[in-house]
Amino acid sequence: MERPRILLLGPPGAGKGTQSENIVDEFDIEHVTTGDALRANKDMETEYGTPREFMQKGELVPDPVVNEIVAQALSDAEGFVLDGYPRNLSQAEYLDDITELDCVLSLAVPRDELIARLTGRRVCPNCGATYHVEFNPPETDGVCDACGSELTQREDDSESVVSERLEVYEETTKPVIEFYRERGELVEIDGEQSPDEVWNDLQLAIEDELN
């Protein structure tokens, strides 16, 4: 059987990274993310310049450059789960031109749950260990289990920044979900369940689409 080509959609905090790892392990395919693809090909020449030129200036890498980088990453993969792309309708239309997807899956999670997940992360500034106040708390509140340092909250995990990220997602990526829904290709998964329950539903959905 050919290795599947899977698109996994969902807002920040929906658990795409965790579930992508499960999909990679189960189906022996590559995990392709926009960030990884850009870092791996930051010096790739395009007619608009290299990704490095934009990243060094702190600017968003424009769609045409991102598209070329993702196209290269997908062409090198026998099968893949694509996570973090497409981020807007233009990218979705480009993706439709360069590959045929076997599954389009979307993790649906209510906004208040996403905020709770994203604002609950705590990190150790000393050793880099990561915790969550609800889902993965340290043994002693606010203290790193590994080295005893005081845990901190990253600025991008504050409620104001998280809310802004979700608003950007709503504006740019929701139309992508509608694009696949209107074509009858979208399979929605209840992402508010436990990670094991989400994985079970994802696995069943993928196997159903492949058969």
Protein backbone atom coordinates (compact mmCIF):
# COMPACT_ATOMS: atom_id res chain seq x y z
CA MET A 1 0.00 0.00 0.00
CA GLU A 2 1.24 3.45 -0.85
CA ARG A 3 2.04 5.63 2.13
CA PRO A 4 -0.75 8.16 2.78
CA ARG A 5 -0.65 11.89 2.17
CA ILE A 6 -2.43 13.51 5.09
CA LEU A 7 -3.29 17.12 5.91
CA LEU A 8 -3.90 17.86 9.60
CA LEU A 9 -5.62 21.16 10.37
CA GLY A 10 -6.47 22.83 13.66
CA PRO A 11 -5.89 25.97 15.72
CA PRO A 12 -2.90 26.56 18.01
CA GLY A 13 -3.26 24.33 21.07
CA ALA A 14 -5.40 21.71 19.32
CA GLY A 15 -2.69 19.05 19.64
CA LYS A 16 -1.54 18.80 16.04
CA GLY A 17 2.09 18.19 17.02
CA THR A 18 1.26 15.30 19.36
CA GLN A 19 -1.13 13.66 16.93
CA SER A 20 1.21 14.16 13.98
CA GLU A 21 3.83 12.14 15.87
CA ASN A 22 1.28 9.34 16.34
CA ILE A 23 0.43 9.40 12.64
CA VAL A 24 4.12 9.33 11.65
CA ASP A 25 4.80 6.32 13.88
CA GLU A 26 1.71 4.40 12.80
CA PHE A 27 1.91 4.95 9.05
CA ASP A 28 5.70 5.34 8.61
CA ILE A 29 5.48 8.70 6.88
CA GLU A 30 7.22 12.06 7.23
CA HIS A 31 6.05 14.95 9.42
CA VAL A 32 6.23 18.08 7.27
CA THR A 33 5.82 21.43 9.03
CA THR A 34 6.26 24.88 7.55
CA GLY A 35 8.79 25.88 10.21
CA ASP A 36 10.96 22.78 9.75
CA ALA A 37 10.79 23.06 5.96
CA LEU A 38 11.84 26.72 6.05
CA ARG A 39 14.73 26.05 8.44
CA ALA A 40 15.94 23.10 6.38
CA ASN A 41 15.82 25.13 3.16
CA LYS A 42 16.54 28.63 4.43
CA ASP A 43 19.11 29.23 1.66
CA MET A 44 16.98 27.83 -1.16
CA GLU A 45 16.92 30.31 -4.03
CA THR A 46 13.51 31.41 -5.31
CA GLU A 47 12.61 34.27 -7.65
CA TYR A 48 11.58 36.21 -4.52
CA GLY A 49 14.80 35.56 -2.59
CA THR A 50 15.74 33.02 0.08
CA PRO A 51 13.75 32.34 3.28
CA ARG A 52 16.81 33.43 5.28
CA GLU A 53 16.57 36.98 3.91
CA PHE A 54 13.06 37.41 5.33
CA MET A 55 13.73 35.52 8.57
CA GLN A 56 16.79 37.66 9.38
CA LYS A 57 14.68 40.80 9.03
CA GLY A 58 11.99 39.33 11.28
CA GLU A 59 9.52 39.49 8.40
CA LEU A 60 6.91 36.92 7.43
CA VAL A 61 8.15 34.73 4.61
CA PRO A 62 5.81 35.53 1.67
CA ASP A 63 3.44 32.91 0.32
CA PRO A 64 5.28 32.26 -2.97
CA VAL A 65 8.48 31.41 -1.08
CA VAL A 66 6.67 29.25 1.48
CA ASN A 67 4.86 27.48 -1.34
CA GLU A 68 8.09 26.58 -3.12
CA ILE A 69 9.68 25.32 0.10
CA VAL A 70 6.67 23.15 0.97
CA ALA A 71 6.49 21.82 -2.59
CA GLN A 72 10.13 20.76 -2.32
CA ALA A 73 9.55 19.06 1.05
CA LEU A 74 6.53 17.16 -0.24
CA SER A 75 8.30 16.06 -3.42
CA ASP A 76 11.00 14.44 -1.28
CA ALA A 77 8.49 12.56 0.90
CA GLU A 78 7.04 9.16 0.01
CA GLY A 79 4.12 9.85 2.35
CA PHE A 80 3.50 12.70 4.77
CA VAL A 81 1.40 14.38 7.39
CA LEU A 82 1.36 18.11 6.65
CA ASP A 83 1.01 20.32 9.74
CA GLY A 84 0.93 24.13 9.78
CA TYR A 85 0.28 24.57 6.06
CA PRO A 86 -1.82 25.78 4.29
CA ARG A 87 -2.41 28.84 6.49
CA ASN A 88 -4.66 30.69 4.06
CA LEU A 89 -6.89 30.08 1.06
CA SER A 90 -4.23 31.00 -1.48
CA GLN A 91 -1.87 28.36 -0.03
CA ALA A 92 -4.70 25.79 -0.02
CA GLU A 93 -5.32 26.39 -3.72
CA TYR A 94 -1.60 26.07 -4.43
CA LEU A 95 -1.42 22.81 -2.46
CA ASP A 96 -4.35 21.48 -4.48
CA ASP A 97 -2.33 22.08 -7.65
CA ILE A 98 0.83 20.26 -6.54
CA THR A 99 -0.42 17.14 -4.74
CA GLU A 100 -3.42 14.92 -4.20
CA LEU A 101 -4.31 14.38 -0.56
CA ASP A 102 -5.67 11.10 0.80
CA CYS A 103 -7.07 12.60 4.03
CA VAL A 104 -7.95 16.09 5.26
CA LEU A 105 -8.45 16.03 9.02
CA SER A 106 -9.37 18.90 11.32
CA LEU A 107 -9.08 18.97 15.11
CA ALA A 108 -11.99 21.01 16.51
CA VAL A 109 -11.48 22.54 19.98
CA PRO A 110 -13.55 25.33 21.63
CA ARG A 111 -11.80 28.68 22.05
CA ASP A 112 -11.94 28.68 25.88
CA GLU A 113 -10.29 25.26 25.98
CA LEU A 114 -7.55 26.43 23.61
CA ILE A 115 -6.82 29.44 25.82
CA ALA A 116 -6.62 27.21 28.91
CA ARG A 117 -4.21 24.85 27.16
CA LEU A 118 -1.96 27.55 25.73
CA THR A 119 -1.79 29.82 28.77
CA GLY A 120 -1.12 26.93 31.16
CA ARG A 121 2.35 26.12 29.83
CA ARG A 122 5.30 26.77 32.16
CA VAL A 123 8.97 26.42 31.28
CA CYS A 124 12.22 26.14 33.18
CA PRO A 125 14.58 28.97 32.14
CA ASN A 126 17.54 26.91 33.34
CA CYS A 127 17.17 23.44 31.78
CA GLY A 128 14.31 24.00 29.32
CA ALA A 129 11.89 21.46 30.84
CA THR A 130 8.24 22.16 29.96
CA TYR A 131 5.18 21.68 32.17
CA HIS A 132 1.48 22.50 32.16
CA VAL A 133 -0.40 23.67 35.23
CA GLU A 134 -3.28 21.26 34.50
CA PHE A 135 -2.08 18.49 32.21
CA ASN A 136 1.56 18.06 33.28
CA PRO A 137 2.19 19.92 36.58
CA PRO A 138 5.53 19.74 38.42
CA GLU A 139 5.69 17.87 41.73
CA THR A 140 6.06 21.19 43.57
CA ASP A 141 3.96 24.06 42.25
CA GLY A 142 6.09 26.50 40.24
CA VAL A 143 9.34 24.56 40.67
CA CYS A 144 11.16 22.47 38.05
CA ASP A 145 11.35 18.77 38.93
CA ALA A 146 14.65 18.38 37.08
CA CYS A 147 16.77 21.21 38.48
CA GLY A 148 14.73 23.04 41.12
CA SER A 149 14.59 26.36 39.27
CA GLU A 150 11.52 28.59 39.40
CA LEU A 151 9.25 28.04 36.40
CA THR A 152 8.19 30.94 34.19
CA GLN A 153 5.51 31.68 31.63
CA ARG A 154 6.69 32.70 28.18
CA GLU A 155 5.43 36.02 26.90
CA ASP A 156 3.79 34.32 23.91
CA ASP A 157 1.81 32.12 26.33
CA SER A 158 0.08 35.12 27.97
CA GLU A 159 -3.68 35.36 27.47
CA SER A 160 -3.46 38.53 25.38
CA VAL A 161 -0.93 37.02 22.95
CA VAL A 162 -2.81 33.71 22.81
CA SER A 163 -6.08 35.52 22.04
CA GLU A 164 -4.36 37.43 19.25
CA ARG A 165 -2.96 34.21 17.76
CA LEU A 166 -6.41 32.65 17.79
CA GLU A 167 -7.92 35.71 16.13
CA VAL A 168 -5.33 35.53 13.36
CA TYR A 169 -6.16 31.84 12.94
CA GLU A 170 -9.87 32.61 12.71
CA GLU A 171 -9.28 35.23 10.03
CA THR A 172 -6.80 33.36 7.84
CA THR A 173 -7.13 29.61 8.37
CA LYS A 174 -10.86 29.13 8.94
CA PRO A 175 -11.47 29.77 5.20
CA VAL A 176 -9.10 26.86 4.51
CA ILE A 177 -11.32 24.56 6.57
CA GLU A 178 -14.37 25.80 4.66
CA PHE A 179 -12.50 25.19 1.37
CA TYR A 180 -12.13 21.49 2.18
CA ARG A 181 -15.56 21.20 3.80
CA GLU A 182 -17.31 22.53 0.70
CA ARG A 183 -15.47 19.95 -1.40
CA GLY A 184 -16.64 17.15 0.90
CA GLU A 185 -13.06 16.25 1.85
CA LEU A 186 -12.97 17.44 5.47
CA VAL A 187 -13.18 14.99 8.39
CA GLU A 188 -13.66 16.79 11.72
CA ILE A 189 -12.35 15.22 14.92
CA ASP A 190 -13.40 16.25 18.43
CA GLY A 191 -10.10 17.61 19.73
CA GLU A 192 -11.47 18.30 23.21
CA GLN A 193 -11.24 14.60 24.09
CA SER A 194 -8.22 13.04 25.79
CA PRO A 195 -5.16 12.62 23.53
CA ASP A 196 -5.73 8.85 23.40
CA GLU A 197 -9.37 9.31 22.37
CA VAL A 198 -8.41 11.86 19.73
CA TRP A 199 -5.78 9.48 18.36
CA ASN A 200 -8.27 6.63 18.23
CA ASP A 201 -10.72 8.76 16.20
CA LEU A 202 -7.93 9.99 13.92
CA GLN A 203 -6.67 6.49 13.24
CA LEU A 204 -10.17 5.24 12.42
CA ALA A 205 -10.77 8.23 10.13
CA ILE A 206 -7.50 7.72 8.25
CA GLU A 207 -8.05 4.01 7.78
CA ASP A 208 -11.62 4.68 6.61
CA GLU A 209 -10.42 7.25 4.05
CA LEU A 210 -7.69 4.93 2.77
CA ASN A 211 -10.14 2.06 2.35
